[in-house]
Amino acid sequence: MLKLGILVSGGGTNLQAILDAIEEKKITNAEAAVVISNNAGAYALERARKKGIPAVCISPKNYETREVFHRALLDELQKNQVDLVVLAGYLVAIPPMIVEAYPNRIINIHPSLIPSFCGTGFYGLKVHEGALGRGVKVTGATVHFVDAGTDTGPIILQKAVEVREGDTPEILQRRVMEEAEWKILPQAIDLIANGKVALRDGRVHISK
């Protein structure tokens, strides 16, 4: 049974998609071991508590230095014997210390088709503002492994979403969540939990 440590910063809609998928057996061989947020007011923590999942706030504001904060985060993951770290709308950069502790065992959902509209500065609504500003006809979401860079790790799954006339960043954000993020993040977790994801030469290979 793969133990998930799910990191969140806000409302936790991706977290909810994961919890629902576990309940509906769309994700098998995995369970949520802990939900961690950098934001004490994140509704995601409430979602976790309702399901009886340990919900912990570890905020950089509560630590003297960034390094002490990173150490506290790593300690919490290890204390809960986490096998896979899932970044489900987590707006804090993951430090090398944690990437090294969980090599190819951290995944992230990003609301664009990487390599478009990703990297430093592209998060939340800024991604969708960028897509609309460029006039793209298709956007989407990507699940990828996390490495030392920003949105540079091997891609696991992608799903395209149509951009429509009259879209605002908020409308597009919602459609990308509903049509892509909430589908491919649980799907990626299920594939990993069932041993169907392999990394070779820096690329992901999925077996059936």
C-alpha atoms as a PDB file:
ATOM      1  CA  MET A   1       0.000   0.000   0.000  1.00  0.00           C
ATOM      2  CA  LEU A   2       1.534   3.262  -1.201  1.00  0.00           C
ATOM      3  CA  LYS A   3       1.389   5.969   1.483  1.00  0.00           C
ATOM      4  CA  LEU A   4       0.690   9.426   0.060  1.00  0.00           C
ATOM      5  CA  GLY A   5       1.833  12.687   1.584  1.00  0.00           C
ATOM      6  CA  ILE A   6      -0.326  15.329  -0.098  1.00  0.00           C
ATOM      7  CA  LEU A   7       0.897  18.948   0.011  1.00  0.00           C
ATOM      8  CA  VAL A   8      -1.610  21.754  -0.548  1.00  0.00           C
ATOM      9  CA  SER A   9      -1.835  25.527  -0.194  1.00  0.00           C
ATOM     10  CA  GLY A  10      -5.488  26.438  -0.803  1.00  0.00           C
ATOM     11  CA  GLY A  11      -8.956  25.013  -1.214  1.00  0.00           C
ATOM     12  CA  GLY A  12      -7.822  21.498  -1.996  1.00  0.00           C
ATOM     13  CA  THR A  13      -9.932  20.629  -5.039  1.00  0.00           C
ATOM     14  CA  ASN A  14      -7.169  18.370  -6.372  1.00  0.00           C
ATOM     15  CA  LEU A  15      -6.913  16.786  -2.926  1.00  0.00           C
ATOM     16  CA  GLN A  16     -10.664  16.141  -3.039  1.00  0.00           C
ATOM     17  CA  ALA A  17     -10.297  14.515  -6.469  1.00  0.00           C
ATOM     18  CA  ILE A  18      -7.649  12.171  -5.024  1.00  0.00           C
ATOM     19  CA  LEU A  19      -9.720  11.303  -1.932  1.00  0.00           C
ATOM     20  CA  ASP A  20     -12.813  10.669  -4.076  1.00  0.00           C
ATOM     21  CA  ALA A  21     -10.805   8.459  -6.455  1.00  0.00           C
ATOM     22  CA  ILE A  22      -9.487   6.389  -3.533  1.00  0.00           C
ATOM     23  CA  GLU A  23     -13.017   5.994  -2.195  1.00  0.00           C
ATOM     24  CA  GLU A  24     -14.363   5.036  -5.634  1.00  0.00           C
ATOM     25  CA  LYS A  25     -11.469   2.553  -6.152  1.00  0.00           C
ATOM     26  CA  LYS A  26     -10.212   4.507  -9.165  1.00  0.00           C
ATOM     27  CA  ILE A  27      -6.970   4.677  -7.196  1.00  0.00           C
ATOM     28  CA  THR A  28      -5.973   1.295  -5.779  1.00  0.00           C
ATOM     29  CA  ASN A  29      -3.049   0.233  -3.574  1.00  0.00           C
ATOM     30  CA  ALA A  30      -2.703   3.766  -2.172  1.00  0.00           C
ATOM     31  CA  GLU A  31      -3.901   5.689   0.874  1.00  0.00           C
ATOM     32  CA  ALA A  32      -3.565   9.280   2.090  1.00  0.00           C
ATOM     33  CA  ALA A  33      -1.180   9.123   5.055  1.00  0.00           C
ATOM     34  CA  VAL A  34      -0.993  12.868   5.753  1.00  0.00           C
ATOM     35  CA  VAL A  35      -2.094  16.206   4.276  1.00  0.00           C
ATOM     36  CA  ILE A  36       0.292  19.115   4.855  1.00  0.00           C
ATOM     37  CA  SER A  37      -0.302  22.792   4.100  1.00  0.00           C
ATOM     38  CA  ASN A  38       1.871  25.892   4.409  1.00  0.00           C
ATOM     39  CA  ASN A  39      -1.340  27.825   5.082  1.00  0.00           C
ATOM     40  CA  ALA A  40      -3.205  27.301   8.366  1.00  0.00           C
ATOM     41  CA  GLY A  41      -6.417  28.647   6.813  1.00  0.00           C
ATOM     42  CA  ALA A  42      -6.358  26.288   3.815  1.00  0.00           C
ATOM     43  CA  TYR A  43      -9.739  24.603   3.379  1.00  0.00           C
ATOM     44  CA  ALA A  44      -7.801  21.555   2.151  1.00  0.00           C
ATOM     45  CA  LEU A  45      -6.904  20.800   5.791  1.00  0.00           C
ATOM     46  CA  GLU A  46     -10.602  20.712   6.646  1.00  0.00           C
ATOM     47  CA  ARG A  47     -11.248  18.301   3.768  1.00  0.00           C
ATOM     48  CA  ALA A  48      -8.583  15.976   5.198  1.00  0.00           C
ATOM     49  CA  ARG A  49      -9.967  16.181   8.752  1.00  0.00           C
ATOM     50  CA  LYS A  50     -13.448  15.273   7.509  1.00  0.00           C
ATOM     51  CA  LYS A  51     -11.971  12.035   6.137  1.00  0.00           C
ATOM     52  CA  GLY A  52     -10.034  11.331   9.328  1.00  0.00           C
ATOM     53  CA  ILE A  53      -6.675  11.969   7.644  1.00  0.00           C
ATOM     54  CA  PRO A  54      -3.921  13.697   9.690  1.00  0.00           C
ATOM     55  CA  ALA A  55      -3.914  17.364   8.639  1.00  0.00           C
ATOM     56  CA  VAL A  56      -0.849  19.421   9.532  1.00  0.00           C
ATOM     57  CA  CYS A  57       0.125  23.044   8.943  1.00  0.00           C
ATOM     58  CA  ILE A  58       3.842  23.627   8.477  1.00  0.00           C
ATOM     59  CA  SER A  59       4.312  27.264   7.546  1.00  0.00           C
ATOM     60  CA  PRO A  60       7.628  28.997   6.804  1.00  0.00           C
ATOM     61  CA  LYS A  61       6.328  31.890   8.937  1.00  0.00           C
ATOM     62  CA  ASN A  62       6.671  29.718  12.036  1.00  0.00           C
ATOM     63  CA  TYR A  63      10.357  28.920  11.550  1.00  0.00           C
ATOM     64  CA  GLU A  64      13.468  31.046  11.990  1.00  0.00           C
ATOM     65  CA  THR A  65      15.003  30.063   8.668  1.00  0.00           C
ATOM     66  CA  ARG A  66      13.942  28.416   5.442  1.00  0.00           C
ATOM     67  CA  GLU A  67      16.242  25.491   6.214  1.00  0.00           C
ATOM     68  CA  VAL A  68      14.560  24.817   9.573  1.00  0.00           C
ATOM     69  CA  PHE A  69      11.178  24.946   7.792  1.00  0.00           C
ATOM     70  CA  HIS A  70      12.382  22.475   5.150  1.00  0.00           C
ATOM     71  CA  ARG A  71      13.689  20.140   7.848  1.00  0.00           C
ATOM     72  CA  ALA A  72      10.313  20.250   9.669  1.00  0.00           C
ATOM     73  CA  LEU A  73       8.510  19.411   6.419  1.00  0.00           C
ATOM     74  CA  LEU A  74      10.830  16.496   5.685  1.00  0.00           C
ATOM     75  CA  ASP A  75      10.504  15.223   9.281  1.00  0.00           C
ATOM     76  CA  GLU A  76       6.695  15.233   8.990  1.00  0.00           C
ATOM     77  CA  LEU A  77       6.789  13.278   5.720  1.00  0.00           C
ATOM     78  CA  GLN A  78       9.199  10.725   7.178  1.00  0.00           C
ATOM     79  CA  LYS A  79       7.272  10.440  10.434  1.00  0.00           C
ATOM     80  CA  ASN A  80       4.203   9.425   8.431  1.00  0.00           C
ATOM     81  CA  GLN A  81       6.274   6.929   6.377  1.00  0.00           C
ATOM     82  CA  VAL A  82       5.278   8.627   3.130  1.00  0.00           C
ATOM     83  CA  ASP A  83       6.200   6.733  -0.069  1.00  0.00           C
ATOM     84  CA  LEU A  84       4.991   9.283  -2.629  1.00  0.00           C
ATOM     85  CA  VAL A  85       4.802  13.055  -2.163  1.00  0.00           C
ATOM     86  CA  VAL A  86       1.955  14.618  -4.162  1.00  0.00           C
ATOM     87  CA  LEU A  87       2.016  18.368  -4.793  1.00  0.00           C
ATOM     88  CA  ALA A  88      -1.667  19.176  -5.272  1.00  0.00           C
ATOM     89  CA  GLY A  89      -1.645  22.947  -5.627  1.00  0.00           C
ATOM     90  CA  TYR A  90       1.328  23.549  -3.316  1.00  0.00           C
ATOM     91  CA  LEU A  91       2.776  27.020  -3.861  1.00  0.00           C
ATOM     92  CA  VAL A  92       6.076  26.570  -2.024  1.00  0.00           C
ATOM     93  CA  ALA A  93       9.234  25.523  -3.877  1.00  0.00           C
ATOM     94  CA  ILE A  94      10.419  22.056  -2.921  1.00  0.00           C
ATOM     95  CA  PRO A  95      14.051  22.274  -1.743  1.00  0.00           C
ATOM     96  CA  PRO A  96      16.875  19.967  -2.902  1.00  0.00           C
ATOM     97  CA  MET A  97      16.892  18.386   0.571  1.00  0.00           C
ATOM     98  CA  ILE A  98      13.423  16.904  -0.009  1.00  0.00           C
ATOM     99  CA  VAL A  99      13.989  16.110  -3.711  1.00  0.00           C
ATOM    100  CA  GLU A 100      17.074  14.106  -2.688  1.00  0.00           C
ATOM    101  CA  ALA A 101      15.178  12.322   0.096  1.00  0.00           C
ATOM    102  CA  TYR A 102      12.412  11.313  -2.358  1.00  0.00           C
ATOM    103  CA  PRO A 103      14.094  10.750  -5.744  1.00  0.00           C
ATOM    104  CA  ASN A 104      11.429  10.191  -8.422  1.00  0.00           C
ATOM    105  CA  ARG A 105       8.891   9.947  -5.611  1.00  0.00           C
ATOM    106  CA  ILE A 106       7.484  13.479  -5.794  1.00  0.00           C
ATOM    107  CA  ILE A 107       4.843  14.372  -8.381  1.00  0.00           C
ATOM    108  CA  ASN A 108       3.256  17.706  -9.238  1.00  0.00           C
ATOM    109  CA  ILE A 109       0.180  18.811 -11.183  1.00  0.00           C
ATOM    110  CA  HIS A 110       0.713  21.894 -13.361  1.00  0.00           C
ATOM    111  CA  PRO A 111      -2.181  23.652 -15.165  1.00  0.00           C
ATOM    112  CA  SER A 112      -0.649  23.818 -18.641  1.00  0.00           C
ATOM    113  CA  LEU A 113       0.832  21.537 -21.277  1.00  0.00           C
ATOM    114  CA  ILE A 114       4.482  21.667 -20.232  1.00  0.00           C
ATOM    115  CA  PRO A 115       6.800  23.060 -21.624  1.00  0.00           C
ATOM    116  CA  SER A 116       4.325  25.886 -22.303  1.00  0.00           C
ATOM    117  CA  PHE A 117       3.516  28.402 -19.540  1.00  0.00           C
ATOM    118  CA  CYS A 118       5.615  26.783 -16.841  1.00  0.00           C
ATOM    119  CA  GLY A 119       8.661  27.533 -14.733  1.00  0.00           C
ATOM    120  CA  THR A 120       9.341  30.393 -12.358  1.00  0.00           C
ATOM    121  CA  GLY A 121       6.436  32.825 -12.064  1.00  0.00           C
ATOM    122  CA  PHE A 122       3.861  30.573 -13.727  1.00  0.00           C
ATOM    123  CA  TYR A 123       1.458  29.412 -11.017  1.00  0.00           C
ATOM    124  CA  GLY A 124      -2.258  29.684 -10.299  1.00  0.00           C
ATOM    125  CA  LEU A 125      -4.121  32.182 -12.476  1.00  0.00           C
ATOM    126  CA  LYS A 126      -0.852  33.479 -13.968  1.00  0.00           C
ATOM    127  CA  VAL A 127      -0.647  30.300 -16.077  1.00  0.00           C
ATOM    128  CA  HIS A 128      -4.090  30.898 -17.578  1.00  0.00           C
ATOM    129  CA  GLU A 129      -3.436  34.623 -18.058  1.00  0.00           C
ATOM    130  CA  GLY A 130      -0.315  33.639 -19.993  1.00  0.00           C
ATOM    131  CA  ALA A 131      -2.212  31.161 -22.178  1.00  0.00           C
ATOM    132  CA  LEU A 132      -4.980  33.649 -22.995  1.00  0.00           C
ATOM    133  CA  GLY A 133      -2.494  36.452 -23.558  1.00  0.00           C
ATOM    134  CA  ARG A 134      -0.627  34.328 -26.101  1.00  0.00           C
ATOM    135  CA  GLY A 135      -3.851  33.348 -27.836  1.00  0.00           C
ATOM    136  CA  VAL A 136      -3.356  29.578 -27.690  1.00  0.00           C
ATOM    137  CA  LYS A 137      -6.272  27.439 -28.863  1.00  0.00           C
ATOM    138  CA  VAL A 138      -5.446  24.467 -26.648  1.00  0.00           C
ATOM    139  CA  THR A 139      -4.122  24.318 -23.094  1.00  0.00           C
ATOM    140  CA  GLY A 140      -4.394  21.592 -20.472  1.00  0.00           C
ATOM    141  CA  ALA A 141      -2.608  20.054 -17.500  1.00  0.00           C
ATOM    142  CA  THR A 142       0.521  17.994 -16.855  1.00  0.00           C
ATOM    143  CA  VAL A 143       1.513  15.577 -14.101  1.00  0.00           C
ATOM    144  CA  HIS A 144       5.283  15.297 -13.809  1.00  0.00           C
ATOM    145  CA  PHE A 145       7.967  14.073 -11.471  1.00  0.00           C
ATOM    146  CA  VAL A 146       9.681  16.810  -9.484  1.00  0.00           C
ATOM    147  CA  ASP A 147      13.415  17.323  -9.886  1.00  0.00           C
ATOM    148  CA  ALA A 148      15.742  20.139  -8.853  1.00  0.00           C
ATOM    149  CA  GLY A 149      14.308  22.546 -11.467  1.00  0.00           C
ATOM    150  CA  THR A 150      10.913  24.260 -11.700  1.00  0.00           C
ATOM    151  CA  ASP A 151       8.445  22.177 -13.751  1.00  0.00           C
ATOM    152  CA  THR A 152      11.387  20.444 -15.463  1.00  0.00           C
ATOM    153  CA  GLY A 153      10.975  16.834 -14.267  1.00  0.00           C
ATOM    154  CA  PRO A 154       9.915  13.903 -16.484  1.00  0.00           C
ATOM    155  CA  ILE A 155       6.307  14.120 -17.719  1.00  0.00           C
ATOM    156  CA  ILE A 156       3.958  11.319 -16.622  1.00  0.00           C
ATOM    157  CA  LEU A 157       0.577  12.331 -18.088  1.00  0.00           C
ATOM    158  CA  GLN A 158      -0.904  15.256 -20.016  1.00  0.00           C
ATOM    159  CA  LYS A 159      -4.449  16.105 -21.032  1.00  0.00           C
ATOM    160  CA  ALA A 160      -5.494  18.815 -23.470  1.00  0.00           C
ATOM    161  CA  VAL A 161      -8.327  21.285 -22.863  1.00  0.00           C
ATOM    162  CA  GLU A 162      -9.879  23.569 -25.478  1.00  0.00           C
ATOM    163  CA  VAL A 163      -9.628  27.335 -25.040  1.00  0.00           C
ATOM    164  CA  ARG A 164     -12.953  28.969 -25.921  1.00  0.00           C
ATOM    165  CA  GLU A 165     -13.963  32.395 -27.169  1.00  0.00           C
ATOM    166  CA  GLY A 166     -14.767  34.659 -24.220  1.00  0.00           C
ATOM    167  CA  ASP A 167     -12.714  32.670 -21.684  1.00  0.00           C
ATOM    168  CA  THR A 168     -11.407  34.615 -18.706  1.00  0.00           C
ATOM    169  CA  PRO A 169      -8.465  33.291 -16.658  1.00  0.00           C
ATOM    170  CA  GLU A 170     -10.951  32.197 -13.971  1.00  0.00           C
ATOM    171  CA  ILE A 171     -13.253  30.366 -16.407  1.00  0.00           C
ATOM    172  CA  LEU A 172     -10.308  28.661 -18.091  1.00  0.00           C
ATOM    173  CA  GLN A 173      -8.789  27.705 -14.735  1.00  0.00           C
ATOM    174  CA  ARG A 174     -12.029  25.976 -13.737  1.00  0.00           C
ATOM    175  CA  ARG A 175     -12.318  24.087 -17.042  1.00  0.00           C
ATOM    176  CA  VAL A 176      -8.693  22.899 -16.862  1.00  0.00           C
ATOM    177  CA  MET A 177      -9.345  21.633 -13.324  1.00  0.00           C
ATOM    178  CA  GLU A 178     -12.565  19.813 -14.209  1.00  0.00           C
ATOM    179  CA  GLU A 179     -11.504  18.368 -17.573  1.00  0.00           C
ATOM    180  CA  ALA A 180      -7.825  17.647 -16.901  1.00  0.00           C
ATOM    181  CA  GLU A 181      -6.339  18.127 -13.416  1.00  0.00           C
ATOM    182  CA  TRP A 182      -8.970  16.185 -11.458  1.00  0.00           C
ATOM    183  CA  LYS A 183      -8.666  13.299 -13.923  1.00  0.00           C
ATOM    184  CA  ILE A 184      -4.938  12.878 -14.589  1.00  0.00           C
ATOM    185  CA  LEU A 185      -3.616  13.443 -11.056  1.00  0.00           C
ATOM    186  CA  PRO A 186      -5.594  10.489  -9.594  1.00  0.00           C
ATOM    187  CA  GLN A 187      -4.762   8.472 -12.729  1.00  0.00           C
ATOM    188  CA  ALA A 188      -1.019   9.089 -12.286  1.00  0.00           C
ATOM    189  CA  ILE A 189      -1.174   8.077  -8.612  1.00  0.00           C
ATOM    190  CA  ASP A 190      -2.981   4.860  -9.528  1.00  0.00           C
ATOM    191  CA  LEU A 191      -0.390   4.023 -12.205  1.00  0.00           C
ATOM    192  CA  ILE A 192       2.495   4.603  -9.772  1.00  0.00           C
ATOM    193  CA  ALA A 193       0.768   2.689  -6.943  1.00  0.00           C
ATOM    194  CA  ASN A 194       0.339  -0.304  -9.248  1.00  0.00           C
ATOM    195  CA  GLY A 195       3.920  -0.331 -10.524  1.00  0.00           C
ATOM    196  CA  LYS A 196       3.067   0.792 -14.057  1.00  0.00           C
ATOM    197  CA  VAL A 197       5.381   3.803 -14.251  1.00  0.00           C
ATOM    198  CA  ALA A 198       9.067   3.334 -15.074  1.00  0.00           C
ATOM    199  CA  LEU A 199      11.767   5.925 -15.698  1.00  0.00           C
ATOM    200  CA  ARG A 200      14.357   5.163 -18.356  1.00  0.00           C
ATOM    201  CA  ASP A 201      16.855   7.682 -19.728  1.00  0.00           C
ATOM    202  CA  GLY A 202      14.954  10.523 -18.068  1.00  0.00           C
ATOM    203  CA  ARG A 203      11.664   9.620 -19.738  1.00  0.00           C
ATOM    204  CA  VAL A 204       8.537   8.021 -18.322  1.00  0.00           C
ATOM    205  CA  HIS A 205       7.332   4.698 -19.720  1.00  0.00           C
ATOM    206  CA  ILE A 206       3.848   3.480 -18.778  1.00  0.00           C
ATOM    207  CA  SER A 207       3.016  -0.216 -18.960  1.00  0.00           C
ATOM    208  CA  LYS A 208      -0.508  -1.557 -19.394  1.00  0.00           C
END
